[in-house]
C-alpha atoms as a PDB file:
ATOM      1  CA  MET A   1      17.393  27.373  32.693  1.00  0.00           C
ATOM      2  CA  LYS A   2      18.885  25.533  29.718  1.00  0.00           C
ATOM      3  CA  ARG A   3      22.635  25.991  29.208  1.00  0.00           C
ATOM      4  CA  ILE A   4      23.430  27.899  26.052  1.00  0.00           C
ATOM      5  CA  ARG A   5      25.686  26.290  23.443  1.00  0.00           C
ATOM      6  CA  CYS A   6      27.923  28.618  21.449  1.00  0.00           C
ATOM      7  CA  TYR A   7      29.821  27.795  18.250  1.00  0.00           C
ATOM      8  CA  LEU A   8      33.173  29.635  18.045  1.00  0.00           C
ATOM      9  CA  ALA A   9      33.698  30.567  14.378  1.00  0.00           C
ATOM     10  CA  GLY A  10      36.720  32.278  12.881  1.00  0.00           C
ATOM     11  CA  SER A  11      40.327  31.859  11.887  1.00  0.00           C
ATOM     12  CA  PHE A  12      42.666  29.920  14.142  1.00  0.00           C
ATOM     13  CA  THR A  13      44.586  32.931  15.472  1.00  0.00           C
ATOM     14  CA  ALA A  14      46.717  33.619  18.548  1.00  0.00           C
ATOM     15  CA  PHE A  15      45.400  36.438  20.712  1.00  0.00           C
ATOM     16  CA  GLU A  16      47.178  38.447  23.429  1.00  0.00           C
ATOM     17  CA  GLY A  17      49.140  35.605  25.012  1.00  0.00           C
ATOM     18  CA  TYR A  18      46.565  32.910  24.271  1.00  0.00           C
ATOM     19  CA  ALA A  19      47.234  30.122  21.763  1.00  0.00           C
ATOM     20  CA  ASP A  20      43.931  31.081  20.127  1.00  0.00           C
ATOM     21  CA  TRP A  21      41.255  33.705  20.727  1.00  0.00           C
ATOM     22  CA  ARG A  22      38.818  30.898  21.604  1.00  0.00           C
ATOM     23  CA  ASP A  23      40.858  30.175  24.735  1.00  0.00           C
ATOM     24  CA  TYR A  24      40.344  33.798  25.825  1.00  0.00           C
ATOM     25  CA  VAL A  25      36.564  33.590  25.312  1.00  0.00           C
ATOM     26  CA  LYS A  26      36.257  30.259  27.121  1.00  0.00           C
ATOM     27  CA  GLU A  27      38.220  31.649  30.063  1.00  0.00           C
ATOM     28  CA  LYS A  28      36.160  34.856  30.306  1.00  0.00           C
ATOM     29  CA  VAL A  29      32.678  33.363  29.821  1.00  0.00           C
ATOM     30  CA  SER A  30      31.231  30.923  32.340  1.00  0.00           C
ATOM     31  CA  GLY A  31      27.929  29.101  32.371  1.00  0.00           C
ATOM     32  CA  MET A  32      27.966  28.438  28.628  1.00  0.00           C
ATOM     33  CA  ASP A  33      28.980  25.363  26.639  1.00  0.00           C
ATOM     34  CA  PHE A  34      31.271  25.945  23.674  1.00  0.00           C
ATOM     35  CA  TYR A  35      31.726  24.101  20.416  1.00  0.00           C
ATOM     36  CA  ASP A  36      35.364  24.625  19.469  1.00  0.00           C
ATOM     37  CA  PRO A  37      36.220  23.371  15.974  1.00  0.00           C
ATOM     38  CA  ARG A  38      39.890  23.005  16.973  1.00  0.00           C
ATOM     39  CA  THR A  39      38.995  20.214  19.372  1.00  0.00           C
ATOM     40  CA  ASP A  40      35.439  19.149  18.490  1.00  0.00           C
ATOM     41  CA  THR A  41      36.084  18.300  14.835  1.00  0.00           C
ATOM     42  CA  ASN A  42      38.713  16.420  12.869  1.00  0.00           C
ATOM     43  CA  GLN A  43      40.455  19.424  11.305  1.00  0.00           C
ATOM     44  CA  GLY A  44      42.971  17.146   9.586  1.00  0.00           C
ATOM     45  CA  SER A  45      40.375  15.685   7.234  1.00  0.00           C
ATOM     46  CA  ILE A  46      38.416  17.893   4.854  1.00  0.00           C
ATOM     47  CA  ALA A  47      36.133  14.911   4.181  1.00  0.00           C
ATOM     48  CA  THR A  48      34.894  15.090   7.774  1.00  0.00           C
ATOM     49  CA  PHE A  49      35.514  18.539   9.261  1.00  0.00           C
ATOM     50  CA  VAL A  50      33.145  20.416   6.937  1.00  0.00           C
ATOM     51  CA  TYR A  51      30.242  18.166   7.899  1.00  0.00           C
ATOM     52  CA  GLN A  52      31.269  18.201  11.575  1.00  0.00           C
ATOM     53  CA  ASP A  53      31.594  22.008  11.659  1.00  0.00           C
ATOM     54  CA  LEU A  54      28.185  22.543  10.055  1.00  0.00           C
ATOM     55  CA  SER A  55      26.614  19.955  12.356  1.00  0.00           C
ATOM     56  CA  GLY A  56      28.251  21.818  15.249  1.00  0.00           C
ATOM     57  CA  VAL A  57      26.508  25.015  14.177  1.00  0.00           C
ATOM     58  CA  ASP A  58      23.194  23.126  14.011  1.00  0.00           C
ATOM     59  CA  GLY A  59      23.641  21.926  17.595  1.00  0.00           C
ATOM     60  CA  CYS A  60      24.339  25.391  19.012  1.00  0.00           C
ATOM     61  CA  ASP A  61      22.131  28.323  19.983  1.00  0.00           C
ATOM     62  CA  VAL A  62      24.693  31.014  19.149  1.00  0.00           C
ATOM     63  CA  VAL A  63      27.350  31.434  16.468  1.00  0.00           C
ATOM     64  CA  PHE A  64      30.092  33.780  17.660  1.00  0.00           C
ATOM     65  CA  TYR A  65      32.371  34.893  14.812  1.00  0.00           C
ATOM     66  CA  PHE A  66      35.525  36.736  15.811  1.00  0.00           C
ATOM     67  CA  VAL A  67      36.798  38.530  12.713  1.00  0.00           C
ATOM     68  CA  THR A  68      40.580  38.940  12.991  1.00  0.00           C
ATOM     69  CA  ASN A  69      41.334  39.882   9.381  1.00  0.00           C
ATOM     70  CA  SER A  70      39.326  40.709   6.291  1.00  0.00           C
ATOM     71  CA  GLY A  71      37.239  37.575   6.849  1.00  0.00           C
ATOM     72  CA  ASP A  72      37.254  33.808   6.711  1.00  0.00           C
ATOM     73  CA  VAL A  73      35.157  32.038   4.067  1.00  0.00           C
ATOM     74  CA  GLY A  74      34.503  28.983   6.243  1.00  0.00           C
ATOM     75  CA  ALA A  75      33.378  31.100   9.197  1.00  0.00           C
ATOM     76  CA  SER A  76      31.165  33.158   6.886  1.00  0.00           C
ATOM     77  CA  ILE A  77      29.458  29.956   5.724  1.00  0.00           C
ATOM     78  CA  GLU A  78      29.049  28.858   9.351  1.00  0.00           C
ATOM     79  CA  CYS A  79      27.404  32.201  10.144  1.00  0.00           C
ATOM     80  CA  GLU A  80      24.976  31.862   7.265  1.00  0.00           C
ATOM     81  CA  ARG A  81      24.197  28.309   8.354  1.00  0.00           C
ATOM     82  CA  GLY A  82      23.365  29.701  11.799  1.00  0.00           C
ATOM     83  CA  ASN A  83      21.338  32.560  10.332  1.00  0.00           C
ATOM     84  CA  SER A  84      19.297  30.195   8.143  1.00  0.00           C
ATOM     85  CA  ARG A  85      18.476  28.129  11.229  1.00  0.00           C
ATOM     86  CA  ASN A  86      17.492  31.118  13.417  1.00  0.00           C
ATOM     87  CA  LYS A  87      20.571  30.987  15.641  1.00  0.00           C
ATOM     88  CA  ILE A  88      21.841  34.158  17.290  1.00  0.00           C
ATOM     89  CA  VAL A  89      24.719  35.189  15.013  1.00  0.00           C
ATOM     90  CA  VAL A  90      27.188  37.488  16.767  1.00  0.00           C
ATOM     91  CA  LEU A  91      29.810  39.304  14.713  1.00  0.00           C
ATOM     92  CA  CYS A  92      32.714  40.419  16.876  1.00  0.00           C
ATOM     93  CA  VAL A  93      35.356  42.411  15.010  1.00  0.00           C
ATOM     94  CA  LYS A  94      38.909  42.781  16.265  1.00  0.00           C
ATOM     95  CA  GLU A  95      39.816  46.421  16.731  1.00  0.00           C
ATOM     96  CA  GLY A  96      41.710  47.737  13.709  1.00  0.00           C
ATOM     97  CA  VAL A  97      40.240  45.317  11.174  1.00  0.00           C
ATOM     98  CA  GLY A  98      39.314  47.127   7.991  1.00  0.00           C
ATOM     99  CA  ILE A  99      36.183  46.504   5.988  1.00  0.00           C
ATOM    100  CA  VAL A 100      33.794  43.731   7.011  1.00  0.00           C
ATOM    101  CA  HIS A 101      31.641  42.382   4.201  1.00  0.00           C
ATOM    102  CA  PRO A 102      28.117  43.862   4.335  1.00  0.00           C
ATOM    103  CA  PHE A 103      26.543  40.396   4.002  1.00  0.00           C
ATOM    104  CA  LEU A 104      28.108  39.403   7.334  1.00  0.00           C
ATOM    105  CA  ILE A 105      26.755  42.511   8.982  1.00  0.00           C
ATOM    106  CA  GLY A 106      23.347  41.859   7.435  1.00  0.00           C
ATOM    107  CA  ILE A 107      22.998  38.314   8.788  1.00  0.00           C
ATOM    108  CA  SER A 108      24.275  39.118  12.272  1.00  0.00           C
ATOM    109  CA  ARG A 109      21.881  39.821  15.113  1.00  0.00           C
ATOM    110  CA  ARG A 110      24.567  41.555  17.164  1.00  0.00           C
ATOM    111  CA  MET A 111      27.866  43.212  16.257  1.00  0.00           C
ATOM    112  CA  PHE A 112      30.679  44.316  18.555  1.00  0.00           C
ATOM    113  CA  ILE A 113      34.076  45.920  18.119  1.00  0.00           C
ATOM    114  CA  GLY A 114      36.602  44.246  20.425  1.00  0.00           C
ATOM    115  CA  ILE A 115      36.576  40.742  21.840  1.00  0.00           C
ATOM    116  CA  GLU A 116      36.263  42.054  25.396  1.00  0.00           C
ATOM    117  CA  VAL A 117      32.825  43.478  24.619  1.00  0.00           C
ATOM    118  CA  GLY A 118      31.819  40.331  22.733  1.00  0.00           C
ATOM    119  CA  ALA A 119      32.840  38.136  25.665  1.00  0.00           C
ATOM    120  CA  LYS A 120      30.914  40.408  28.039  1.00  0.00           C
ATOM    121  CA  TYR A 121      27.801  39.989  25.887  1.00  0.00           C
ATOM    122  CA  LEU A 122      28.176  36.186  25.958  1.00  0.00           C
ATOM    123  CA  SER A 123      28.518  36.323  29.764  1.00  0.00           C
ATOM    124  CA  ASN A 124      25.401  38.444  30.012  1.00  0.00           C
ATOM    125  CA  LEU A 125      23.525  36.130  27.643  1.00  0.00           C
ATOM    126  CA  SER A 126      24.534  33.145  29.756  1.00  0.00           C
ATOM    127  CA  GLU A 127      23.239  34.922  32.847  1.00  0.00           C
ATOM    128  CA  CYS A 128      20.001  36.257  31.301  1.00  0.00           C
ATOM    129  CA  GLY A 129      19.112  33.281  29.073  1.00  0.00           C
ATOM    130  CA  LEU A 130      18.050  33.054  25.454  1.00  0.00           C
ATOM    131  CA  ASP A 131      14.513  34.200  26.189  1.00  0.00           C
ATOM    132  CA  LYS A 132      15.918  37.439  27.652  1.00  0.00           C
ATOM    133  CA  GLU A 133      18.471  38.146  24.912  1.00  0.00           C
ATOM    134  CA  PHE A 134      17.445  41.793  24.754  1.00  0.00           C
ATOM    135  CA  ASP A 135      18.244  42.129  28.457  1.00  0.00           C
ATOM    136  CA  ALA A 136      21.706  40.706  27.745  1.00  0.00           C
ATOM    137  CA  ILE A 137      22.420  43.247  25.007  1.00  0.00           C
ATOM    138  CA  TYR A 138      21.058  46.099  27.127  1.00  0.00           C
ATOM    139  CA  LYS A 139      23.226  45.045  30.056  1.00  0.00           C
ATOM    140  CA  THR A 140      26.263  44.892  27.734  1.00  0.00           C
ATOM    141  CA  MET A 141      25.588  48.369  26.355  1.00  0.00           C
ATOM    142  CA  ARG A 142      25.249  49.831  29.846  1.00  0.00           C
ATOM    143  CA  GLY A 143      28.678  48.490  30.779  1.00  0.00           C
END
């Protein structure tokens, strides 16, 4: 089975003892390759990171957007890029975040409240495979 590649979209934000929420996801989910814009792009140069981030989305199967505040314009664009290229767009909202823009909800294939549930879905997707994505969501819902 082909290893799934997942783009980690969202604000650079510390999370429960981790330097960034991406570190939490990468620790909790095995069997999946991650594209992490903190390390896989040149964030210090706007002339290069925009192209590199969008190319990163193109090279992934899944775009996982962890919404930690009212939203991040760059991550929203990355999600739409994924949506327009038939990637699995996963919207994972931090508990307690207020309103999420309806466009983001509309372009997402899956939506979760809480990063723990989102990470569980990614683990299940890694185990089930892209061709059995429905099995992964069903397994996640069953706990």
